[in-house]
C-alpha atoms as a PDB file:
ATOM      1  CA  UNK A   1     -94.649 -64.100   4.753  1.00  0.00           C
ATOM      2  CA  UNK A   2     -97.549 -63.111   2.555  1.00  0.00           C
ATOM      3  CA  UNK A   3     -96.908 -62.199  -0.992  1.00  0.00           C
ATOM      4  CA  UNK A   4    -100.324 -60.058  -1.406  1.00  0.00           C
ATOM      5  CA  UNK A   5     -99.315 -56.697  -2.540  1.00  0.00           C
ATOM      6  CA  UNK A   6    -101.273 -54.233  -4.030  1.00  0.00           C
ATOM      7  CA  UNK A   7    -100.119 -52.342  -7.392  1.00  0.00           C
ATOM      8  CA  UNK A   8     -98.598 -49.480  -5.814  1.00  0.00           C
ATOM      9  CA  UNK A   9     -96.732 -51.422  -3.164  1.00  0.00           C
ATOM     10  CA  UNK A  10     -94.781 -53.213  -5.856  1.00  0.00           C
ATOM     11  CA  UNK A  11     -94.425 -50.295  -7.232  1.00  0.00           C
ATOM     12  CA  UNK A  12     -93.028 -48.731  -4.200  1.00  0.00           C
ATOM     13  CA  UNK A  13     -90.478 -51.965  -3.837  1.00  0.00           C
ATOM     14  CA  UNK A  14     -89.306 -51.412  -7.259  1.00  0.00           C
ATOM     15  CA  UNK A  15     -88.722 -47.840  -6.733  1.00  0.00           C
ATOM     16  CA  UNK A  16     -86.672 -48.461  -4.095  1.00  0.00           C
ATOM     17  CA  UNK A  17     -84.753 -51.101  -4.850  1.00  0.00           C
ATOM     18  CA  UNK A  18     -83.755 -49.023  -7.992  1.00  0.00           C
ATOM     19  CA  UNK A  19     -83.455 -46.025  -6.258  1.00  0.00           C
ATOM     20  CA  UNK A  20     -85.631 -44.013  -8.019  1.00  0.00           C
ATOM     21  CA  UNK A  21     -86.469 -41.352  -5.755  1.00  0.00           C
ATOM     22  CA  UNK A  22     -88.527 -39.719  -8.160  1.00  0.00           C
ATOM     23  CA  UNK A  23     -91.255 -42.446  -8.139  1.00  0.00           C
ATOM     24  CA  UNK A  24     -90.404 -42.883  -4.246  1.00  0.00           C
ATOM     25  CA  UNK A  25     -91.656 -39.329  -3.638  1.00  0.00           C
ATOM     26  CA  UNK A  26     -94.656 -39.847  -5.303  1.00  0.00           C
ATOM     27  CA  UNK A  27     -95.488 -42.707  -3.975  1.00  0.00           C
ATOM     28  CA  UNK A  28     -95.425 -41.429  -0.686  1.00  0.00           C
ATOM     29  CA  UNK A  29     -97.527 -38.516  -1.431  1.00  0.00           C
ATOM     30  CA  UNK A  30    -100.145 -40.422  -2.840  1.00  0.00           C
ATOM     31  CA  UNK A  31    -100.299 -43.154  -0.899  1.00  0.00           C
ATOM     32  CA  UNK A  32     -98.581 -42.191   2.397  1.00  0.00           C
ATOM     33  CA  UNK A  33     -96.877 -43.830   4.918  1.00  0.00           C
ATOM     34  CA  UNK A  34     -98.462 -47.312   4.325  1.00  0.00           C
ATOM     35  CA  UNK A  35     -96.032 -47.378   1.834  1.00  0.00           C
ATOM     36  CA  UNK A  36     -93.576 -47.761   4.062  1.00  0.00           C
ATOM     37  CA  UNK A  37     -94.780 -51.361   5.530  1.00  0.00           C
ATOM     38  CA  UNK A  38     -94.778 -53.295   1.613  1.00  0.00           C
ATOM     39  CA  UNK A  39     -92.673 -55.497   1.976  1.00  0.00           C
ATOM     40  CA  UNK A  40     -90.907 -58.505  -0.511  1.00  0.00           C
ATOM     41  CA  UNK A  41     -91.105 -62.749  -0.151  1.00  0.00           C
ATOM     42  CA  UNK A  42     -88.308 -62.406   2.116  1.00  0.00           C
ATOM     43  CA  UNK A  43     -89.936 -59.828   4.005  1.00  0.00           C
ATOM     44  CA  UNK A  44     -87.703 -56.967   3.261  1.00  0.00           C
ATOM     45  CA  UNK A  45     -88.908 -53.364   3.172  1.00  0.00           C
ATOM     46  CA  UNK A  46     -88.584 -50.361   0.855  1.00  0.00           C
ATOM     47  CA  UNK A  47     -86.028 -48.936   3.710  1.00  0.00           C
ATOM     48  CA  UNK A  48     -84.140 -51.995   4.038  1.00  0.00           C
ATOM     49  CA  UNK A  49     -83.808 -52.354   0.059  1.00  0.00           C
ATOM     50  CA  UNK A  50     -82.816 -49.380  -0.519  1.00  0.00           C
ATOM     51  CA  UNK A  51     -80.340 -49.862   2.564  1.00  0.00           C
ATOM     52  CA  UNK A  52     -78.684 -52.902   1.142  1.00  0.00           C
ATOM     53  CA  UNK A  53     -78.294 -51.230  -1.984  1.00  0.00           C
ATOM     54  CA  UNK A  54     -77.059 -47.971  -1.036  1.00  0.00           C
ATOM     55  CA  UNK A  55     -79.374 -45.822  -2.550  1.00  0.00           C
ATOM     56  CA  UNK A  56     -78.703 -43.340   0.754  1.00  0.00           C
ATOM     57  CA  UNK A  57     -81.038 -40.504  -0.923  1.00  0.00           C
ATOM     58  CA  UNK A  58     -83.908 -43.035  -0.921  1.00  0.00           C
ATOM     59  CA  UNK A  59     -82.980 -44.094   2.501  1.00  0.00           C
ATOM     60  CA  UNK A  60     -83.036 -40.704   3.803  1.00  0.00           C
ATOM     61  CA  UNK A  61     -86.493 -39.705   2.042  1.00  0.00           C
ATOM     62  CA  UNK A  62     -87.844 -42.710   3.685  1.00  0.00           C
ATOM     63  CA  UNK A  63     -86.893 -41.292   7.132  1.00  0.00           C
ATOM     64  CA  UNK A  64     -88.060 -38.282   6.767  1.00  0.00           C
ATOM     65  CA  UNK A  65     -91.547 -40.038   6.248  1.00  0.00           C
ATOM     66  CA  UNK A  66     -91.436 -42.087   9.105  1.00  0.00           C
ATOM     67  CA  UNK A  67     -88.634 -44.871   8.873  1.00  0.00           C
ATOM     68  CA  UNK A  68     -86.207 -45.414  11.186  1.00  0.00           C
ATOM     69  CA  UNK A  69     -83.140 -47.112  11.529  1.00  0.00           C
ATOM     70  CA  UNK A  70     -84.070 -49.975  13.590  1.00  0.00           C
ATOM     71  CA  UNK A  71     -86.967 -51.102  11.504  1.00  0.00           C
ATOM     72  CA  UNK A  72     -86.485 -54.686  10.293  1.00  0.00           C
ATOM     73  CA  UNK A  73     -87.449 -57.166   8.008  1.00  0.00           C
ATOM     74  CA  UNK A  74     -91.190 -59.130   8.111  1.00  0.00           C
ATOM     75  CA  UNK A  75     -89.011 -62.445   8.438  1.00  0.00           C
ATOM     76  CA  UNK A  76     -88.938 -63.857  11.620  1.00  0.00           C
ATOM     77  CA  UNK A  77     -85.981 -65.788  11.193  1.00  0.00           C
ATOM     78  CA  UNK A  78     -84.354 -62.993  10.658  1.00  0.00           C
ATOM     79  CA  UNK A  79     -85.032 -59.625  11.522  1.00  0.00           C
ATOM     80  CA  UNK A  80     -82.245 -57.334  10.830  1.00  0.00           C
ATOM     81  CA  UNK A  81     -82.994 -53.706  10.517  1.00  0.00           C
ATOM     82  CA  UNK A  82     -81.722 -50.979   8.142  1.00  0.00           C
ATOM     83  CA  UNK A  83     -78.193 -50.584  10.090  1.00  0.00           C
ATOM     84  CA  UNK A  84     -77.969 -54.606   9.165  1.00  0.00           C
ATOM     85  CA  UNK A  85     -78.955 -54.064   5.825  1.00  0.00           C
ATOM     86  CA  UNK A  86     -76.613 -51.080   5.100  1.00  0.00           C
ATOM     87  CA  UNK A  87     -73.679 -53.039   6.437  1.00  0.00           C
ATOM     88  CA  UNK A  88     -74.785 -56.198   4.365  1.00  0.00           C
ATOM     89  CA  UNK A  89     -75.038 -54.237   1.226  1.00  0.00           C
ATOM     90  CA  UNK A  90     -71.503 -52.521   1.857  1.00  0.00           C
ATOM     91  CA  UNK A  91     -72.700 -48.897   1.391  1.00  0.00           C
ATOM     92  CA  UNK A  92     -70.031 -46.986   3.259  1.00  0.00           C
ATOM     93  CA  UNK A  93     -71.171 -43.459   2.831  1.00  0.00           C
ATOM     94  CA  UNK A  94     -74.239 -44.476   4.114  1.00  0.00           C
ATOM     95  CA  UNK A  95     -73.325 -46.521   7.069  1.00  0.00           C
ATOM     96  CA  UNK A  96     -71.246 -43.497   7.944  1.00  0.00           C
ATOM     97  CA  UNK A  97     -74.413 -41.147   7.775  1.00  0.00           C
ATOM     98  CA  UNK A  98     -76.075 -44.000  10.287  1.00  0.00           C
ATOM     99  CA  UNK A  99     -73.840 -43.479  12.784  1.00  0.00           C
ATOM    100  CA  UNK A 100     -72.973 -39.506  12.856  1.00  0.00           C
ATOM    101  CA  UNK A 101     -76.898 -38.820  12.608  1.00  0.00           C
ATOM    102  CA  UNK A 102     -78.459 -41.612  14.819  1.00  0.00           C
ATOM    103  CA  UNK A 103     -75.568 -42.931  16.570  1.00  0.00           C
ATOM    104  CA  UNK A 104     -76.988 -46.346  16.057  1.00  0.00           C
ATOM    105  CA  UNK A 105     -76.204 -49.494  18.957  1.00  0.00           C
ATOM    106  CA  UNK A 106     -73.507 -51.058  17.213  1.00  0.00           C
ATOM    107  CA  UNK A 107     -73.975 -54.308  19.406  1.00  0.00           C
ATOM    108  CA  UNK A 108     -77.977 -54.771  17.756  1.00  0.00           C
ATOM    109  CA  UNK A 109     -78.435 -58.178  16.699  1.00  0.00           C
ATOM    110  CA  UNK A 110     -80.964 -59.793  14.457  1.00  0.00           C
ATOM    111  CA  UNK A 111     -82.466 -63.111  16.007  1.00  0.00           C
ATOM    112  CA  UNK A 112     -79.733 -65.157  15.686  1.00  0.00           C
ATOM    113  CA  UNK A 113     -77.270 -63.039  16.724  1.00  0.00           C
ATOM    114  CA  UNK A 114     -75.491 -61.305  13.759  1.00  0.00           C
ATOM    115  CA  UNK A 115     -74.052 -57.917  14.709  1.00  0.00           C
ATOM    116  CA  UNK A 116     -73.381 -55.337  11.951  1.00  0.00           C
ATOM    117  CA  UNK A 117     -69.741 -56.245  11.568  1.00  0.00           C
ATOM    118  CA  UNK A 118     -70.973 -59.683  11.011  1.00  0.00           C
ATOM    119  CA  UNK A 119     -73.621 -58.550   8.213  1.00  0.00           C
ATOM    120  CA  UNK A 120     -70.304 -56.318   7.065  1.00  0.00           C
ATOM    121  CA  UNK A 121     -68.251 -59.706   6.827  1.00  0.00           C
ATOM    122  CA  UNK A 122     -70.809 -61.561   5.306  1.00  0.00           C
ATOM    123  CA  UNK A 123     -71.543 -59.169   2.346  1.00  0.00           C
ATOM    124  CA  UNK A 124     -67.236 -59.048   2.070  1.00  0.00           C
ATOM    125  CA  UNK A 125     -66.724 -55.419   2.982  1.00  0.00           C
ATOM    126  CA  UNK A 126     -63.398 -54.751   4.279  1.00  0.00           C
ATOM    127  CA  UNK A 127     -64.219 -51.106   4.281  1.00  0.00           C
ATOM    128  CA  UNK A 128     -67.229 -51.315   6.372  1.00  0.00           C
ATOM    129  CA  UNK A 129     -65.802 -54.040   8.831  1.00  0.00           C
ATOM    130  CA  UNK A 130     -63.234 -51.539   9.271  1.00  0.00           C
ATOM    131  CA  UNK A 131     -65.341 -48.910   9.985  1.00  0.00           C
ATOM    132  CA  UNK A 132     -67.304 -50.478  12.562  1.00  0.00           C
ATOM    133  CA  UNK A 133     -63.668 -51.671  14.529  1.00  0.00           C
ATOM    134  CA  UNK A 134     -62.925 -47.828  14.431  1.00  0.00           C
ATOM    135  CA  UNK A 135     -65.912 -47.536  16.452  1.00  0.00           C
ATOM    136  CA  UNK A 136     -65.114 -49.746  18.942  1.00  0.00           C
ATOM    137  CA  UNK A 137     -66.632 -53.398  17.628  1.00  0.00           C
ATOM    138  CA  UNK A 138     -63.984 -56.873  17.604  1.00  0.00           C
ATOM    139  CA  UNK A 139     -63.542 -58.892  14.950  1.00  0.00           C
ATOM    140  CA  UNK A 140     -64.160 -61.465  17.699  1.00  0.00           C
ATOM    141  CA  UNK A 141     -68.078 -60.666  17.723  1.00  0.00           C
ATOM    142  CA  UNK A 142     -69.932 -64.168  17.025  1.00  0.00           C
ATOM    143  CA  UNK A 143     -73.488 -64.506  16.683  1.00  0.00           C
ATOM    144  CA  UNK A 144     -75.660 -67.410  18.501  1.00  0.00           C
ATOM    145  CA  UNK A 145     -74.524 -70.348  16.533  1.00  0.00           C
ATOM    146  CA  UNK A 146     -70.978 -69.418  17.137  1.00  0.00           C
ATOM    147  CA  UNK A 147     -70.598 -68.419  13.371  1.00  0.00           C
ATOM    148  CA  UNK A 148     -67.210 -66.310  14.097  1.00  0.00           C
ATOM    149  CA  UNK A 149     -65.727 -63.680  11.145  1.00  0.00           C
ATOM    150  CA  UNK A 150     -63.794 -66.700   9.473  1.00  0.00           C
ATOM    151  CA  UNK A 151     -66.874 -68.867   8.970  1.00  0.00           C
ATOM    152  CA  UNK A 152     -68.958 -65.860   7.434  1.00  0.00           C
ATOM    153  CA  UNK A 153     -66.209 -65.278   5.140  1.00  0.00           C
ATOM    154  CA  UNK A 154     -65.773 -68.484   3.863  1.00  0.00           C
ATOM    155  CA  UNK A 155     -69.731 -68.666   3.305  1.00  0.00           C
ATOM    156  CA  UNK A 156     -70.044 -65.988   1.836  1.00  0.00           C
ATOM    157  CA  UNK A 157     -67.395 -67.018  -0.696  1.00  0.00           C
ATOM    158  CA  UNK A 158     -64.864 -63.941   0.264  1.00  0.00           C
ATOM    159  CA  UNK A 159     -61.623 -65.025  -0.591  1.00  0.00           C
ATOM    160  CA  UNK A 160     -59.752 -61.183  -0.018  1.00  0.00           C
ATOM    161  CA  UNK A 161     -61.564 -60.533   3.059  1.00  0.00           C
ATOM    162  CA  UNK A 162     -60.794 -64.267   4.593  1.00  0.00           C
ATOM    163  CA  UNK A 163     -57.172 -64.329   3.631  1.00  0.00           C
ATOM    164  CA  UNK A 164     -56.805 -60.730   5.552  1.00  0.00           C
ATOM    165  CA  UNK A 165     -58.399 -62.391   8.402  1.00  0.00           C
ATOM    166  CA  UNK A 166     -55.982 -65.487   8.465  1.00  0.00           C
ATOM    167  CA  UNK A 167     -53.174 -63.502   7.517  1.00  0.00           C
ATOM    168  CA  UNK A 168     -53.587 -60.432   9.412  1.00  0.00           C
ATOM    169  CA  UNK A 169     -56.249 -60.578  12.450  1.00  0.00           C
ATOM    170  CA  UNK A 170     -54.684 -63.823  14.290  1.00  0.00           C
ATOM    171  CA  UNK A 171     -57.977 -66.045  12.782  1.00  0.00           C
ATOM    172  CA  UNK A 172     -56.792 -69.897  11.925  1.00  0.00           C
ATOM    173  CA  UNK A 173     -58.713 -72.366  10.039  1.00  0.00           C
ATOM    174  CA  UNK A 174     -59.232 -74.541  13.282  1.00  0.00           C
ATOM    175  CA  UNK A 175     -62.080 -72.341  14.234  1.00  0.00           C
ATOM    176  CA  UNK A 176     -66.015 -74.154  14.505  1.00  0.00           C
ATOM    177  CA  UNK A 177     -69.287 -73.485  14.938  1.00  0.00           C
ATOM    178  CA  UNK A 178     -71.636 -74.848  17.987  1.00  0.00           C
ATOM    179  CA  UNK A 179     -72.291 -77.807  15.385  1.00  0.00           C
ATOM    180  CA  UNK A 180     -68.594 -78.463  14.482  1.00  0.00           C
ATOM    181  CA  UNK A 181     -68.313 -76.522  10.890  1.00  0.00           C
ATOM    182  CA  UNK A 182     -65.305 -75.522  10.161  1.00  0.00           C
ATOM    183  CA  UNK A 183     -64.447 -72.813   7.302  1.00  0.00           C
ATOM    184  CA  UNK A 184     -64.387 -75.112   4.418  1.00  0.00           C
ATOM    185  CA  UNK A 185     -67.488 -76.731   5.491  1.00  0.00           C
ATOM    186  CA  UNK A 186     -69.364 -73.546   5.243  1.00  0.00           C
ATOM    187  CA  UNK A 187     -67.310 -72.865   1.731  1.00  0.00           C
ATOM    188  CA  UNK A 188     -69.286 -76.136   0.553  1.00  0.00           C
ATOM    189  CA  UNK A 189     -72.493 -75.496   1.877  1.00  0.00           C
ATOM    190  CA  UNK A 190     -72.216 -71.930  -0.193  1.00  0.00           C
ATOM    191  CA  UNK A 191     -70.535 -73.261  -3.052  1.00  0.00           C
ATOM    192  CA  UNK A 192     -67.584 -71.435  -3.220  1.00  0.00           C
ATOM    193  CA  UNK A 193     -64.922 -73.830  -5.053  1.00  0.00           C
ATOM    194  CA  UNK A 194     -62.474 -71.011  -4.939  1.00  0.00           C
ATOM    195  CA  UNK A 195     -62.267 -70.747  -1.598  1.00  0.00           C
ATOM    196  CA  UNK A 196     -62.197 -74.107  -0.709  1.00  0.00           C
ATOM    197  CA  UNK A 197     -59.231 -74.563  -3.051  1.00  0.00           C
ATOM    198  CA  UNK A 198     -57.758 -71.659  -1.024  1.00  0.00           C
ATOM    199  CA  UNK A 199     -58.145 -73.430   2.328  1.00  0.00           C
ATOM    200  CA  UNK A 200     -57.043 -76.698   1.185  1.00  0.00           C
ATOM    201  CA  UNK A 201     -53.305 -74.871  -0.209  1.00  0.00           C
ATOM    202  CA  UNK A 202     -53.698 -73.541   3.623  1.00  0.00           C
ATOM    203  CA  UNK A 203     -54.232 -76.930   5.283  1.00  0.00           C
ATOM    204  CA  UNK A 204     -57.813 -77.742   5.871  1.00  0.00           C
ATOM    205  CA  UNK A 205     -58.501 -81.212   4.602  1.00  0.00           C
ATOM    206  CA  UNK A 206     -61.083 -82.280   2.462  1.00  0.00           C
ATOM    207  CA  UNK A 207     -62.063 -84.914   4.967  1.00  0.00           C
ATOM    208  CA  UNK A 208     -63.268 -82.667   7.590  1.00  0.00           C
ATOM    209  CA  UNK A 209     -66.504 -83.050   9.487  1.00  0.00           C
ATOM    210  CA  UNK A 210     -68.982 -81.641  11.691  1.00  0.00           C
ATOM    211  CA  UNK A 211     -70.214 -82.501  15.522  1.00  0.00           C
ATOM    212  CA  UNK A 212     -73.001 -84.728  13.480  1.00  0.00           C
ATOM    213  CA  UNK A 213     -70.533 -86.435  10.959  1.00  0.00           C
ATOM    214  CA  UNK A 214     -71.750 -84.113   8.071  1.00  0.00           C
ATOM    215  CA  UNK A 215     -68.644 -83.588   5.408  1.00  0.00           C
ATOM    216  CA  UNK A 216     -68.147 -81.678   2.879  1.00  0.00           C
ATOM    217  CA  UNK A 217     -69.769 -83.594  -0.035  1.00  0.00           C
ATOM    218  CA  UNK A 218     -72.609 -83.341   2.535  1.00  0.00           C
ATOM    219  CA  UNK A 219     -72.271 -79.682   3.282  1.00  0.00           C
ATOM    220  CA  UNK A 220     -72.138 -78.752  -0.699  1.00  0.00           C
ATOM    221  CA  UNK A 221     -75.569 -80.981  -0.749  1.00  0.00           C
ATOM    222  CA  UNK A 222     -77.555 -79.166   2.211  1.00  0.00           C
ATOM    223  CA  UNK A 223     -76.417 -75.522   0.590  1.00  0.00           C
ATOM    224  CA  UNK A 224     -78.168 -76.511  -2.753  1.00  0.00           C
END
């Protein structure tokens, strides 16, 4: 993704991320809709930055100037939309506003099959997860790699959410993705020692390997 940005695009991204609606409004008035297309090195546009950080007033203003909930980031490896980012950031008020105002498709996915509910899990936001469930979504959703809620929670390091999934929602530690990665391997990849300790207490093995023979040590190394 190109890093070349004009000074005003950089200012727009900073203002949207910080929730500075005055600056966002002035930049839109001066430079027009092209400000909506500015993006960070990871492809996040102003509306996506605002959505992930829960700046509902900024998101609403950007929508008034042409942004849509279906707008995605510029990273061809992800392509998450505004609803995905709002769920990822955990702003329940913003998610509810999007649901009430635009009736978005809650089965919408990014390029690897992550739904809004899975973004909520990866962000560690149980209240948003339960909101998705009240709107008919299932905790048993998974992406194209078969990353389930338990695996996403472990990868994100969200111990409370992981406990809830195991103790109250019927999930087990037997779950694997298509490569054979388990919750403890995902926790190692994410660098979450507290989750690894919890999973070991629950009966996971420090010697678990995926289908390629990768152990917890390699998972931690691969995750950095």
